[in-house]
Amino acid sequence: NTLYLQMNSLKPEDTAVYYCAARDLTIRVVTRDS
């Protein structure tokens, strides 16, 4: 039950708060935060 994000070659513009999100009962890729 774990999600990973491997981040390489990081740049200053990658600076941010990173949030994990989950949508239940969904098998497709979802990119809209709402």
PDB file of all heavy atoms in Angstrom:
ATOM      1  N   ASN A   1       0.831  -1.211   0.000  1.00  0.00           N
ATOM      2  CA  ASN A   1       0.000   0.000   0.000  1.00  0.00           C
ATOM      3  C   ASN A   1       0.864   1.260   0.000  1.00  0.00           C
ATOM      4  O   ASN A   1       0.591   2.218   0.728  1.00  0.00           O
ATOM      5  CB  ASN A   1      -0.949   0.008   1.196  1.00  0.00           C
ATOM      6  CG  ASN A   1      -1.986  -1.085   1.118  1.00  0.00           C
ATOM      7  OD1 ASN A   1      -2.519  -1.370   0.050  1.00  0.00           O
ATOM      8  ND2 ASN A   1      -2.289  -1.705   2.254  1.00  0.00           N
ATOM      9  N   THR A   2       1.886   1.248  -0.827  1.00  0.00           N
ATOM     10  CA  THR A   2       2.849   2.330  -0.828  1.00  0.00           C
ATOM     11  C   THR A   2       3.070   2.882  -2.229  1.00  0.00           C
ATOM     12  O   THR A   2       3.210   2.127  -3.188  1.00  0.00           O
ATOM     13  CB  THR A   2       4.186   1.864  -0.242  1.00  0.00           C
ATOM     14  OG1 THR A   2       3.978   1.377   1.085  1.00  0.00           O
ATOM     15  CG2 THR A   2       5.179   3.016  -0.181  1.00  0.00           C
ATOM     16  N   LEU A   3       3.116   4.188  -2.317  1.00  0.00           N
ATOM     17  CA  LEU A   3       3.406   4.918  -3.543  1.00  0.00           C
ATOM     18  C   LEU A   3       4.778   5.557  -3.405  1.00  0.00           C
ATOM     19  O   LEU A   3       5.134   6.053  -2.337  1.00  0.00           O
ATOM     20  CB  LEU A   3       2.347   5.994  -3.774  1.00  0.00           C
ATOM     21  CG  LEU A   3       2.525   6.906  -4.989  1.00  0.00           C
ATOM     22  CD1 LEU A   3       2.212   6.137  -6.267  1.00  0.00           C
ATOM     23  CD2 LEU A   3       1.625   8.130  -4.864  1.00  0.00           C
ATOM     24  N   TYR A   4       5.530   5.568  -4.488  1.00  0.00           N
ATOM     25  CA  TYR A   4       6.865   6.134  -4.476  1.00  0.00           C
ATOM     26  C   TYR A   4       7.021   7.184  -5.571  1.00  0.00           C
ATOM     27  O   TYR A   4       6.350   7.145  -6.603  1.00  0.00           O
ATOM     28  CB  TYR A   4       7.921   5.051  -4.702  1.00  0.00           C
ATOM     29  CG  TYR A   4       7.871   3.916  -3.727  1.00  0.00           C
ATOM     30  CD1 TYR A   4       7.231   2.729  -4.059  1.00  0.00           C
ATOM     31  CD2 TYR A   4       8.469   4.022  -2.476  1.00  0.00           C
ATOM     32  CE1 TYR A   4       7.188   1.672  -3.173  1.00  0.00           C
ATOM     33  CE2 TYR A   4       8.425   2.973  -1.581  1.00  0.00           C
ATOM     34  CZ  TYR A   4       7.790   1.800  -1.928  1.00  0.00           C
ATOM     35  OH  TYR A   4       7.747   0.747  -1.043  1.00  0.00           O
ATOM     36  N   LEU A   5       7.925   8.106  -5.336  1.00  0.00           N
ATOM     37  CA  LEU A   5       8.340   9.041  -6.364  1.00  0.00           C
ATOM     38  C   LEU A   5       9.850   9.183  -6.278  1.00  0.00           C
ATOM     39  O   LEU A   5      10.366   9.797  -5.343  1.00  0.00           O
ATOM     40  CB  LEU A   5       7.662  10.405  -6.204  1.00  0.00           C
ATOM     41  CG  LEU A   5       7.943  11.403  -7.331  1.00  0.00           C
ATOM     42  CD1 LEU A   5       7.304  10.919  -8.638  1.00  0.00           C
ATOM     43  CD2 LEU A   5       7.424  12.793  -6.980  1.00  0.00           C
ATOM     44  N   GLN A   6      10.529   8.597  -7.238  1.00  0.00           N
ATOM     45  CA  GLN A   6      11.972   8.739  -7.321  1.00  0.00           C
ATOM     46  C   GLN A   6      12.275   9.995  -8.113  1.00  0.00           C
ATOM     47  O   GLN A   6      11.873  10.111  -9.272  1.00  0.00           O
ATOM     48  CB  GLN A   6      12.598   7.520  -7.997  1.00  0.00           C
ATOM     49  CG  GLN A   6      14.108   7.599  -8.152  1.00  0.00           C
ATOM     50  CD  GLN A   6      14.831   7.599  -6.826  1.00  0.00           C
ATOM     51  OE1 GLN A   6      14.549   6.768  -5.975  1.00  0.00           O
ATOM     52  NE2 GLN A   6      15.756   8.528  -6.641  1.00  0.00           N
ATOM     53  N   MET A   7      12.972  10.921  -7.508  1.00  0.00           N
ATOM     54  CA  MET A   7      13.268  12.199  -8.121  1.00  0.00           C
ATOM     55  C   MET A   7      14.775  12.324  -8.299  1.00  0.00           C
ATOM     56  O   MET A   7      15.520  12.354  -7.322  1.00  0.00           O
ATOM     57  CB  MET A   7      12.732  13.353  -7.271  1.00  0.00           C
ATOM     58  CG  MET A   7      11.241  13.252  -6.975  1.00  0.00           C
ATOM     59  SD  MET A   7      10.625  14.683  -6.055  1.00  0.00           S
ATOM     60  CE  MET A   7      11.489  14.440  -4.499  1.00  0.00           C
ATOM     61  N   ASN A   8      15.195  12.381  -9.535  1.00  0.00           N
ATOM     62  CA  ASN A   8      16.603  12.517  -9.862  1.00  0.00           C
ATOM     63  C   ASN A   8      16.850  13.842 -10.570  1.00  0.00           C
ATOM     64  O   ASN A   8      15.934  14.464 -11.088  1.00  0.00           O
ATOM     65  CB  ASN A   8      17.063  11.362 -10.756  1.00  0.00           C
ATOM     66  CG  ASN A   8      16.936  10.017 -10.096  1.00  0.00           C
ATOM     67  OD1 ASN A   8      17.134   9.869  -8.892  1.00  0.00           O
ATOM     68  ND2 ASN A   8      16.622   8.997 -10.896  1.00  0.00           N
ATOM     69  N   SER A   9      18.101  14.238 -10.603  1.00  0.00           N
ATOM     70  CA  SER A   9      18.493  15.481 -11.267  1.00  0.00           C
ATOM     71  C   SER A   9      17.617  16.643 -10.832  1.00  0.00           C
ATOM     72  O   SER A   9      17.116  17.417 -11.651  1.00  0.00           O
ATOM     73  CB  SER A   9      18.439  15.308 -12.793  1.00  0.00           C
ATOM     74  OG  SER A   9      19.294  14.269 -13.218  1.00  0.00           O
ATOM     75  N   LEU A  10      17.431  16.758  -9.543  1.00  0.00           N
ATOM     76  CA  LEU A  10      16.543  17.784  -9.009  1.00  0.00           C
ATOM     77  C   LEU A  10      17.061  19.182  -9.303  1.00  0.00           C
ATOM     78  O   LEU A  10      18.272  19.424  -9.318  1.00  0.00           O
ATOM     79  CB  LEU A  10      16.366  17.590  -7.512  1.00  0.00           C
ATOM     80  CG  LEU A  10      15.416  16.453  -7.134  1.00  0.00           C
ATOM     81  CD1 LEU A  10      15.613  16.047  -5.685  1.00  0.00           C
ATOM     82  CD2 LEU A  10      13.971  16.882  -7.374  1.00  0.00           C
ATOM     83  N   LYS A  11      16.124  20.076  -9.536  1.00  0.00           N
ATOM     84  CA  LYS A  11      16.403  21.461  -9.854  1.00  0.00           C
ATOM     85  C   LYS A  11      15.753  22.356  -8.811  1.00  0.00           C
ATOM     86  O   LYS A  11      14.771  21.963  -8.183  1.00  0.00           O
ATOM     87  CB  LYS A  11      15.856  21.813 -11.241  1.00  0.00           C
ATOM     88  CG  LYS A  11      16.327  20.914 -12.364  1.00  0.00           C
ATOM     89  CD  LYS A  11      15.604  21.253 -13.654  1.00  0.00           C
ATOM     90  CE  LYS A  11      16.040  20.347 -14.793  1.00  0.00           C
ATOM     91  NZ  LYS A  11      15.312  20.665 -16.046  1.00  0.00           N
ATOM     92  N   PRO A  12      16.250  23.568  -8.643  1.00  0.00           N
ATOM     93  CA  PRO A  12      15.611  24.495  -7.706  1.00  0.00           C
ATOM     94  C   PRO A  12      14.123  24.691  -7.983  1.00  0.00           C
ATOM     95  O   PRO A  12      13.350  24.872  -7.035  1.00  0.00           O
ATOM     96  CB  PRO A  12      16.403  25.790  -7.899  1.00  0.00           C
ATOM     97  CG  PRO A  12      17.757  25.329  -8.308  1.00  0.00           C
ATOM     98  CD  PRO A  12      17.498  24.129  -9.190  1.00  0.00           C
ATOM     99  N   GLU A  13      13.720  24.650  -9.231  1.00  0.00           N
ATOM    100  CA  GLU A  13      12.318  24.821  -9.562  1.00  0.00           C
ATOM    101  C   GLU A  13      11.442  23.646  -9.136  1.00  0.00           C
ATOM    102  O   GLU A  13      10.211  23.718  -9.221  1.00  0.00           O
ATOM    103  CB  GLU A  13      12.127  25.095 -11.064  1.00  0.00           C
ATOM    104  CG  GLU A  13      12.849  24.120 -11.968  1.00  0.00           C
ATOM    105  CD  GLU A  13      14.194  24.640 -12.430  1.00  0.00           C
ATOM    106  OE1 GLU A  13      14.954  25.181 -11.594  1.00  0.00           O
ATOM    107  OE2 GLU A  13      14.493  24.520 -13.635  1.00  0.00           O
ATOM    108  N   ASP A  14      12.059  22.564  -8.686  1.00  0.00           N
ATOM    109  CA  ASP A  14      11.301  21.447  -8.133  1.00  0.00           C
ATOM    110  C   ASP A  14      10.914  21.689  -6.684  1.00  0.00           C
ATOM    111  O   ASP A  14      10.166  20.899  -6.105  1.00  0.00           O
ATOM    112  CB  ASP A  14      12.098  20.148  -8.227  1.00  0.00           C
ATOM    113  CG  ASP A  14      12.329  19.702  -9.660  1.00  0.00           C
ATOM    114  OD1 ASP A  14      11.387  19.782 -10.470  1.00  0.00           O
ATOM    115  OD2 ASP A  14      13.460  19.272  -9.964  1.00  0.00           O
ATOM    116  N   THR A  15      11.436  22.735  -6.095  1.00  0.00           N
ATOM    117  CA  THR A  15      11.124  23.062  -4.710  1.00  0.00           C
ATOM    118  C   THR A  15       9.625  23.275  -4.551  1.00  0.00           C
ATOM    119  O   THR A  15       9.028  24.101  -5.233  1.00  0.00           O
ATOM    120  CB  THR A  15      11.887  24.307  -4.262  1.00  0.00           C
ATOM    121  OG1 THR A  15      13.291  24.039  -4.281  1.00  0.00           O
ATOM    122  CG2 THR A  15      11.478  24.720  -2.854  1.00  0.00           C
ATOM    123  N   ALA A  16       9.028  22.524  -3.653  1.00  0.00           N
ATOM    124  CA  ALA A  16       7.585  22.584  -3.454  1.00  0.00           C
ATOM    125  C   ALA A  16       7.208  21.668  -2.310  1.00  0.00           C
ATOM    126  O   ALA A  16       8.017  20.867  -1.839  1.00  0.00           O
ATOM    127  CB  ALA A  16       6.845  22.153  -4.730  1.00  0.00           C
ATOM    128  N   VAL A  17       5.969  21.797  -1.881  1.00  0.00           N
ATOM    129  CA  VAL A  17       5.393  20.795  -0.999  1.00  0.00           C
ATOM    130  C   VAL A  17       4.779  19.725  -1.890  1.00  0.00           C
ATOM    131  O   VAL A  17       3.995  20.034  -2.785  1.00  0.00           O
ATOM    132  CB  VAL A  17       4.325  21.392  -0.069  1.00  0.00           C
ATOM    133  CG1 VAL A  17       3.685  20.298   0.779  1.00  0.00           C
ATOM    134  CG2 VAL A  17       4.945  22.453   0.825  1.00  0.00           C
ATOM    135  N   TYR A  18       5.144  18.501  -1.649  1.00  0.00           N
ATOM    136  CA  TYR A  18       4.653  17.387  -2.439  1.00  0.00           C
ATOM    137  C   TYR A  18       3.586  16.633  -1.664  1.00  0.00           C
ATOM    138  O   TYR A  18       3.790  16.259  -0.511  1.00  0.00           O
ATOM    139  CB  TYR A  18       5.803  16.443  -2.808  1.00  0.00           C
ATOM    140  CG  TYR A  18       6.683  16.993  -3.898  1.00  0.00           C
ATOM    141  CD1 TYR A  18       7.540  18.061  -3.657  1.00  0.00           C
ATOM    142  CD2 TYR A  18       6.648  16.453  -5.187  1.00  0.00           C
ATOM    143  CE1 TYR A  18       8.332  18.587  -4.659  1.00  0.00           C
ATOM    144  CE2 TYR A  18       7.443  16.968  -6.193  1.00  0.00           C
ATOM    145  CZ  TYR A  18       8.283  18.032  -5.928  1.00  0.00           C
ATOM    146  OH  TYR A  18       9.077  18.538  -6.934  1.00  0.00           O
ATOM    147  N   TYR A  19       2.456  16.424  -2.315  1.00  0.00           N
ATOM    148  CA  TYR A  19       1.315  15.769  -1.700  1.00  0.00           C
ATOM    149  C   TYR A  19       1.000  14.460  -2.395  1.00  0.00           C
ATOM    150  O   TYR A  19       0.979  14.383  -3.623  1.00  0.00           O
ATOM    151  CB  TYR A  19       0.067  16.654  -1.779  1.00  0.00           C
ATOM    152  CG  TYR A  19       0.185  17.974  -1.075  1.00  0.00           C
ATOM    153  CD1 TYR A  19       0.615  19.107  -1.750  1.00  0.00           C
ATOM    154  CD2 TYR A  19      -0.159  18.095   0.270  1.00  0.00           C
ATOM    155  CE1 TYR A  19       0.718  20.331  -1.110  1.00  0.00           C
ATOM    156  CE2 TYR A  19      -0.063  19.318   0.915  1.00  0.00           C
ATOM    157  CZ  TYR A  19       0.372  20.428   0.218  1.00  0.00           C
ATOM    158  OH  TYR A  19       0.461  21.637   0.857  1.00  0.00           O
ATOM    159  N   CYS A  20       0.735  13.468  -1.610  1.00  0.00           N
ATOM    160  CA  CYS A  20       0.243  12.196  -2.107  1.00  0.00           C
ATOM    161  C   CYS A  20      -1.275  12.234  -2.127  1.00  0.00           C
ATOM    162  O   CYS A  20      -1.901  12.765  -1.206  1.00  0.00           O
ATOM    163  CB  CYS A  20       0.744  11.071  -1.194  1.00  0.00           C
ATOM    164  SG  CYS A  20       0.104   9.433  -1.544  1.00  0.00           S
ATOM    165  N   ALA A  21      -1.873  11.683  -3.165  1.00  0.00           N
ATOM    166  CA  ALA A  21      -3.317  11.663  -3.278  1.00  0.00           C
ATOM    167  C   ALA A  21      -3.788  10.298  -3.762  1.00  0.00           C
ATOM    168  O   ALA A  21      -3.081   9.615  -4.510  1.00  0.00           O
ATOM    169  CB  ALA A  21      -3.805  12.749  -4.241  1.00  0.00           C
ATOM    170  N   ALA A  22      -4.980   9.921  -3.349  1.00  0.00           N
ATOM    171  CA  ALA A  22      -5.558   8.643  -3.751  1.00  0.00           C
ATOM    172  C   ALA A  22      -7.031   8.808  -4.077  1.00  0.00           C
ATOM    173  O   ALA A  22      -7.739   9.586  -3.435  1.00  0.00           O
ATOM    174  CB  ALA A  22      -5.383   7.599  -2.648  1.00  0.00           C
ATOM    175  N   ARG A  23      -7.465   8.090  -5.081  1.00  0.00           N
ATOM    176  CA  ARG A  23      -8.877   8.057  -5.465  1.00  0.00           C
ATOM    177  C   ARG A  23      -9.338   6.613  -5.415  1.00  0.00           C
ATOM    178  O   ARG A  23      -8.828   5.761  -6.163  1.00  0.00           O
ATOM    179  CB  ARG A  23      -9.084   8.636  -6.865  1.00  0.00           C
ATOM    180  CG  ARG A  23     -10.523   8.570  -7.355  1.00  0.00           C
ATOM    181  CD  ARG A  23     -10.625   9.026  -8.797  1.00  0.00           C
ATOM    182  NE  ARG A  23     -11.888   8.650  -9.401  1.00  0.00           N
ATOM    183  CZ  ARG A  23     -12.916   9.470  -9.603  1.00  0.00           C
ATOM    184  NH1 ARG A  23     -12.807  10.758  -9.263  1.00  0.00           N
ATOM    185  NH2 ARG A  23     -14.031   9.034 -10.152  1.00  0.00           N
ATOM    186  N   ASP A  24     -10.271   6.342  -4.544  1.00  0.00           N
ATOM    187  CA  ASP A  24     -10.733   4.982  -4.315  1.00  0.00           C
ATOM    188  C   ASP A  24     -11.577   4.485  -5.480  1.00  0.00           C
ATOM    189  O   ASP A  24     -12.171   5.268  -6.234  1.00  0.00           O
ATOM    190  CB  ASP A  24     -11.528   4.918  -3.012  1.00  0.00           C
ATOM    191  CG  ASP A  24     -11.567   3.528  -2.412  1.00  0.00           C
ATOM    192  OD1 ASP A  24     -10.939   2.605  -2.960  1.00  0.00           O
ATOM    193  OD2 ASP A  24     -12.240   3.362  -1.371  1.00  0.00           O
ATOM    194  N   LEU A  25     -11.625   3.176  -5.617  1.00  0.00           N
ATOM    195  CA  LEU A  25     -12.436   2.509  -6.632  1.00  0.00           C
ATOM    196  C   LEU A  25     -12.140   3.035  -8.028  1.00  0.00           C
ATOM    197  O   LEU A  25     -13.045   3.236  -8.840  1.00  0.00           O
ATOM    198  CB  LEU A  25     -13.927   2.656  -6.296  1.00  0.00           C
ATOM    199  CG  LEU A  25     -14.359   2.099  -4.935  1.00  0.00           C
ATOM    200  CD1 LEU A  25     -15.811   2.438  -4.658  1.00  0.00           C
ATOM    201  CD2 LEU A  25     -14.138   0.591  -4.894  1.00  0.00           C
ATOM    202  N   THR A  26     -10.883   3.248  -8.319  1.00  0.00           N
ATOM    203  CA  THR A  26     -10.455   3.799  -9.595  1.00  0.00           C
ATOM    204  C   THR A  26      -9.224   3.057 -10.077  1.00  0.00           C
ATOM    205  O   THR A  26      -8.245   2.923  -9.333  1.00  0.00           O
ATOM    206  CB  THR A  26     -10.137   5.290  -9.474  1.00  0.00           C
ATOM    207  OG1 THR A  26     -11.276   5.980  -8.945  1.00  0.00           O
ATOM    208  CG2 THR A  26      -9.776   5.873 -10.831  1.00  0.00           C
ATOM    209  N   ILE A  27      -9.246   2.623 -11.317  1.00  0.00           N
ATOM    210  CA  ILE A  27      -8.107   1.908 -11.861  1.00  0.00           C
ATOM    211  C   ILE A  27      -7.350   2.728 -12.897  1.00  0.00           C
ATOM    212  O   ILE A  27      -6.210   2.403 -13.227  1.00  0.00           O
ATOM    213  CB  ILE A  27      -8.516   0.554 -12.482  1.00  0.00           C
ATOM    214  CG1 ILE A  27      -9.514   0.761 -13.631  1.00  0.00           C
ATOM    215  CG2 ILE A  27      -9.108  -0.348 -11.415  1.00  0.00           C
ATOM    216  CD1 ILE A  27      -9.830  -0.523 -14.387  1.00  0.00           C
ATOM    217  N   ARG A  28      -7.956   3.795 -13.398  1.00  0.00           N
ATOM    218  CA  ARG A  28      -7.340   4.610 -14.432  1.00  0.00           C
ATOM    219  C   ARG A  28      -6.406   5.658 -13.844  1.00  0.00           C
ATOM    220  O   ARG A  28      -6.407   5.917 -12.643  1.00  0.00           O
ATOM    221  CB  ARG A  28      -8.425   5.304 -15.261  1.00  0.00           C
ATOM    222  CG  ARG A  28      -9.281   6.257 -14.449  1.00  0.00           C
ATOM    223  CD  ARG A  28     -10.394   6.851 -15.284  1.00  0.00           C
ATOM    224  NE  ARG A  28     -11.342   7.586 -14.458  1.00  0.00           N
ATOM    225  CZ  ARG A  28     -11.229   8.866 -14.141  1.00  0.00           C
ATOM    226  NH1 ARG A  28     -10.208   9.571 -14.590  1.00  0.00           N
ATOM    227  NH2 ARG A  28     -12.141   9.444 -13.381  1.00  0.00           N
ATOM    228  N   VAL A  29      -5.624   6.275 -14.705  1.00  0.00           N
ATOM    229  CA  VAL A  29      -4.772   7.380 -14.301  1.00  0.00           C
ATOM    230  C   VAL A  29      -5.633   8.630 -14.145  1.00  0.00           C
ATOM    231  O   VAL A  29      -6.434   8.965 -15.018  1.00  0.00           O
ATOM    232  CB  VAL A  29      -3.660   7.636 -15.333  1.00  0.00           C
ATOM    233  CG1 VAL A  29      -2.880   8.898 -14.982  1.00  0.00           C
ATOM    234  CG2 VAL A  29      -2.725   6.434 -15.411  1.00  0.00           C
ATOM    235  N   VAL A  30      -5.481   9.326 -13.033  1.00  0.00           N
ATOM    236  CA  VAL A  30      -6.225  10.542 -12.751  1.00  0.00           C
ATOM    237  C   VAL A  30      -5.236  11.657 -12.459  1.00  0.00           C
ATOM    238  O   VAL A  30      -4.352  11.498 -11.612  1.00  0.00           O
ATOM    239  CB  VAL A  30      -7.181  10.360 -11.563  1.00  0.00           C
ATOM    240  CG1 VAL A  30      -7.889  11.668 -11.229  1.00  0.00           C
ATOM    241  CG2 VAL A  30      -8.186   9.261 -11.857  1.00  0.00           C
ATOM    242  N   THR A  31      -5.398  12.786 -13.138  1.00  0.00           N
ATOM    243  CA  THR A  31      -4.474  13.901 -12.977  1.00  0.00           C
ATOM    244  C   THR A  31      -5.123  15.159 -12.429  1.00  0.00           C
ATOM    245  O   THR A  31      -4.422  16.123 -12.125  1.00  0.00           O
ATOM    246  CB  THR A  31      -3.800  14.244 -14.309  1.00  0.00           C
ATOM    247  OG1 THR A  31      -4.794  14.614 -15.281  1.00  0.00           O
ATOM    248  CG2 THR A  31      -3.018  13.043 -14.844  1.00  0.00           C
ATOM    249  N   ARG A  32      -6.434  15.172 -12.298  1.00  0.00           N
ATOM    250  CA  ARG A  32      -7.138  16.334 -11.786  1.00  0.00           C
ATOM    251  C   ARG A  32      -7.255  16.250 -10.266  1.00  0.00           C
ATOM    252  O   ARG A  32      -7.789  15.275  -9.735  1.00  0.00           O
ATOM    253  CB  ARG A  32      -8.530  16.424 -12.420  1.00  0.00           C
ATOM    254  CG  ARG A  32      -9.238  17.735 -12.192  1.00  0.00           C
ATOM    255  CD  ARG A  32     -10.655  17.674 -12.732  1.00  0.00           C
ATOM    256  NE  ARG A  32     -10.694  17.409 -14.149  1.00  0.00           N
ATOM    257  CZ  ARG A  32     -10.689  18.344 -15.088  1.00  0.00           C
ATOM    258  NH1 ARG A  32     -10.657  19.634 -14.756  1.00  0.00           N
ATOM    259  NH2 ARG A  32     -10.718  18.004 -16.369  1.00  0.00           N
ATOM    260  N   ASP A  33      -6.786  17.271  -9.577  1.00  0.00           N
ATOM    261  CA  ASP A  33      -6.770  17.216  -8.118  1.00  0.00           C
ATOM    262  C   ASP A  33      -8.165  17.117  -7.520  1.00  0.00           C
ATOM    263  O   ASP A  33      -8.357  16.473  -6.484  1.00  0.00           O
ATOM    264  CB  ASP A  33      -6.000  18.394  -7.522  1.00  0.00           C
ATOM    265  CG  ASP A  33      -6.500  19.750  -8.002  1.00  0.00           C
ATOM    266  OD1 ASP A  33      -7.473  19.810  -8.777  1.00  0.00           O
ATOM    267  OD2 ASP A  33      -5.897  20.763  -7.591  1.00  0.00           O
ATOM    268  N   SER A  34      -9.147  17.721  -8.180  1.00  0.00           N
ATOM    269  CA  SER A  34     -10.509  17.703  -7.658  1.00  0.00           C
ATOM    270  C   SER A  34     -11.136  16.318  -7.683  1.00  0.00           C
ATOM    271  O   SER A  34     -12.152  16.093  -7.032  1.00  0.00           O
ATOM    272  CB  SER A  34     -11.391  18.678  -8.437  1.00  0.00           C
ATOM    273  OG  SER A  34     -11.484  18.314  -9.799  1.00  0.00           O
TER     274      SER A  34
END
